[in-house]
Amino acid sequence: MKPFNTLTAKSKLILKLLSACIVASLFNISNAAASTKGFQVAVVEHTTGAKEIIEGQYETGLKKLSKRDTPAKSSFNRSLTRCAANIMLNDYQSADGACTVAIEKYKNRSSLNYKYFKSIAYSNRGVARYLKGDMTAASDDLKMAASLDDNKIVMANLANIKAKIANH
């Protein structure tokens, strides 16, 4: 059993969930739980650097993502993965930028999973924006994500931000 696997059979490409609680308990990364405050971020499995990021080696994963020898067609995957790594490193501005690139790059509307992947990119960006203190933009991104695809990651993050806004 893979504890990070969060996809249903509807997708051929597996997204890996980096739940802060799971990462913290499996890899003893105590600051990961504090850095994501209960939100979930996702990376695309088999993307350059994703394995390292899933294992908690965020800097190593980012270095691999920075290499220019990766195919241009995977720019969405790289950007989404870069976003997740930067969230885990508490670099929310870079995470926001990487997620924005992912949102702009994913234009494969003919893909069966177009809305799903686009929703994940909006969800990750919403998490980054919340963690950098922009609750309005975070809420807007998570609502957009849910309007595209109401998958488990998005809905958990949307519920989390609604609860945090209600408690403010």
Protein backbone atom coordinates (compact mmCIF):
# COMPACT_ATOMS: atom_id res chain seq x y z
CA MET A 1 0.00 0.00 0.00
CA LYS A 2 1.30 3.44 -0.95
CA PRO A 3 0.25 5.92 1.74
CA PHE A 4 0.54 8.91 -0.60
CA ASN A 5 -1.65 7.52 -3.38
CA THR A 6 -4.75 9.67 -3.65
CA LEU A 7 -6.13 9.00 -7.12
CA THR A 8 -9.10 7.12 -8.38
CA ALA A 9 -8.90 4.97 -11.48
CA LYS A 10 -9.97 7.93 -13.62
CA SER A 11 -6.38 9.00 -14.08
CA LYS A 12 -3.53 7.22 -15.82
CA LEU A 13 -1.06 9.70 -14.40
CA ILE A 14 -0.83 9.37 -10.63
CA LEU A 15 -0.64 12.42 -8.43
CA LYS A 16 1.24 11.98 -5.19
CA LEU A 17 -0.26 13.59 -2.16
CA LEU A 18 2.12 15.30 0.21
CA SER A 19 -0.04 15.51 3.27
CA ALA A 20 1.96 17.32 5.89
CA CYS A 21 0.82 14.93 8.58
CA ILE A 22 1.88 11.88 6.60
CA VAL A 23 5.20 13.43 5.64
CA ALA A 24 5.85 14.45 9.23
CA SER A 25 5.08 11.02 10.63
CA LEU A 26 6.86 8.97 7.97
CA PHE A 27 9.94 11.10 7.52
CA ASN A 28 10.15 12.81 10.91
CA ILE A 29 9.96 16.28 9.41
CA SER A 30 8.46 18.22 12.25
CA ASN A 31 8.31 21.59 10.52
CA ALA A 32 6.35 20.19 7.54
CA ALA A 33 3.16 19.93 9.58
CA ALA A 34 3.49 23.50 10.75
CA SER A 35 4.32 24.78 7.28
CA THR A 36 1.16 23.51 5.56
CA LYS A 37 -1.28 23.92 8.48
CA GLY A 38 -3.35 20.89 7.57
CA PHE A 39 -3.57 21.62 3.85
CA GLN A 40 -2.68 19.04 1.23
CA VAL A 41 -0.42 19.69 -1.75
CA ALA A 42 0.19 17.39 -4.69
CA VAL A 43 2.96 16.62 -7.15
CA VAL A 44 2.86 14.58 -10.34
CA GLU A 45 4.53 11.21 -9.81
CA HIS A 46 7.40 10.34 -12.17
CA THR A 47 8.17 14.00 -12.81
CA THR A 48 11.83 14.90 -12.50
CA GLY A 49 12.49 15.61 -8.81
CA ALA A 50 9.11 14.34 -7.58
CA LYS A 51 10.55 11.25 -5.88
CA GLU A 52 12.92 13.40 -3.84
CA ILE A 53 10.17 15.86 -2.93
CA ILE A 54 7.85 13.06 -1.83
CA GLU A 55 10.68 11.73 0.35
CA GLY A 56 11.14 15.15 1.97
CA GLN A 57 14.32 16.07 0.08
CA TYR A 58 12.87 19.33 -1.20
CA GLU A 59 16.10 21.13 -2.15
CA THR A 60 17.37 18.08 -4.06
CA GLY A 61 14.06 17.81 -5.89
CA LEU A 62 14.17 21.50 -6.82
CA LYS A 63 17.73 21.15 -8.14
CA LYS A 64 16.64 18.29 -10.37
CA LEU A 65 13.68 20.33 -11.59
CA SER A 66 16.02 23.19 -12.53
CA LYS A 67 17.98 21.11 -15.03
CA ARG A 68 17.27 22.12 -18.61
CA ASP A 69 17.38 18.60 -20.06
CA THR A 70 13.76 17.78 -19.21
CA PRO A 71 11.25 17.73 -22.08
CA ALA A 72 9.30 20.92 -22.71
CA LYS A 73 6.04 18.97 -22.78
CA SER A 74 6.35 18.31 -19.06
CA SER A 75 6.43 22.00 -18.07
CA PHE A 76 3.07 21.67 -16.28
CA ASN A 77 4.32 18.69 -14.27
CA ARG A 78 7.58 20.44 -13.38
CA SER A 79 5.81 23.66 -12.40
CA LEU A 80 3.26 21.88 -10.23
CA THR A 81 6.01 19.86 -8.55
CA ARG A 82 8.14 22.99 -8.06
CA CYS A 83 5.13 24.66 -6.44
CA ALA A 84 4.68 21.81 -3.95
CA ALA A 85 8.38 21.77 -3.03
CA ASN A 86 8.42 25.51 -2.44
CA ILE A 87 5.34 25.26 -0.23
CA MET A 88 7.11 22.63 1.88
CA LEU A 89 10.18 24.90 2.06
CA ASN A 90 8.00 27.84 3.21
CA ASP A 91 8.87 29.82 0.05
CA TYR A 92 5.29 30.78 -0.66
CA GLN A 93 6.07 33.53 -3.19
CA SER A 94 8.02 31.08 -5.39
CA ALA A 95 5.30 28.48 -4.88
CA ASP A 96 2.64 30.95 -6.00
CA GLY A 97 4.64 31.76 -9.13
CA ALA A 98 5.26 28.10 -9.98
CA CYS A 99 1.59 27.24 -9.58
CA THR A 100 0.60 30.20 -11.74
CA VAL A 101 2.93 28.88 -14.46
CA ALA A 102 1.36 25.42 -14.10
CA ILE A 103 -2.14 26.89 -14.44
CA GLU A 104 -1.10 28.81 -17.55
CA LYS A 105 0.80 25.87 -19.09
CA TYR A 106 -1.91 23.24 -18.77
CA LYS A 107 -3.86 23.77 -21.97
CA ASN A 108 -4.49 20.16 -22.99
CA ARG A 109 -8.26 20.52 -22.97
CA SER A 110 -8.62 17.28 -24.92
CA SER A 111 -7.19 15.34 -21.97
CA LEU A 112 -9.75 13.35 -20.02
CA ASN A 113 -8.16 14.74 -16.87
CA TYR A 114 -7.91 18.40 -17.92
CA LYS A 115 -10.21 19.71 -15.19
CA TYR A 116 -8.68 17.43 -12.57
CA PHE A 117 -5.10 18.56 -13.16
CA LYS A 118 -6.07 22.21 -13.51
CA SER A 119 -7.98 21.95 -10.21
CA ILE A 120 -4.91 20.52 -8.47
CA ALA A 121 -2.80 23.44 -9.72
CA TYR A 122 -5.38 25.94 -8.41
CA SER A 123 -5.57 24.05 -5.12
CA ASN A 124 -1.79 24.09 -4.62
CA ARG A 125 -1.69 27.81 -5.45
CA GLY A 126 -4.53 28.42 -3.00
CA VAL A 127 -2.52 26.71 -0.27
CA ALA A 128 0.55 28.82 -1.11
CA ARG A 129 -1.51 32.01 -1.05
CA TYR A 130 -3.11 31.12 2.27
CA LEU A 131 0.28 30.37 3.82
CA LYS A 132 1.67 33.71 2.63
CA GLY A 133 -1.28 35.47 4.24
CA ASP A 134 -3.60 36.22 1.31
CA MET A 135 -6.82 34.56 2.47
CA THR A 136 -9.01 36.17 -0.19
CA ALA A 137 -6.88 34.97 -3.11
CA ALA A 138 -6.50 31.56 -1.45
CA SER A 139 -10.24 31.21 -1.07
CA ASP A 140 -10.82 32.30 -4.68
CA ASP A 141 -8.29 29.73 -5.95
CA LEU A 142 -9.81 26.92 -3.92
CA LYS A 143 -13.32 27.82 -5.09
CA MET A 144 -12.05 27.82 -8.70
CA ALA A 145 -10.40 24.44 -8.09
CA ALA A 146 -13.66 23.00 -6.75
CA SER A 147 -15.61 24.38 -9.71
CA LEU A 148 -13.25 22.54 -12.07
CA ASP A 149 -13.17 19.21 -10.23
CA ASP A 150 -14.45 18.35 -6.76
CA ASN A 151 -11.76 15.76 -5.98
CA LYS A 152 -10.73 14.81 -2.45
CA ILE A 153 -7.65 17.03 -2.28
CA VAL A 154 -9.49 20.13 -3.45
CA MET A 155 -12.53 19.57 -1.26
CA ALA A 156 -10.39 18.95 1.85
CA ASN A 157 -8.43 22.15 1.20
CA LEU A 158 -11.60 24.14 0.53
CA ALA A 159 -13.18 22.91 3.78
CA ASN A 160 -9.95 23.75 5.62
CA ILE A 161 -9.84 27.33 4.37
CA LYS A 162 -13.54 27.87 5.05
CA ALA A 163 -12.96 26.75 8.64
CA LYS A 164 -9.93 29.02 9.00
CA ILE A 165 -11.83 32.01 7.61
CA ALA A 166 -14.76 31.31 9.95
CA ASN A 167 -12.37 31.27 12.93
CA HIS A 168 -10.74 34.59 12.04
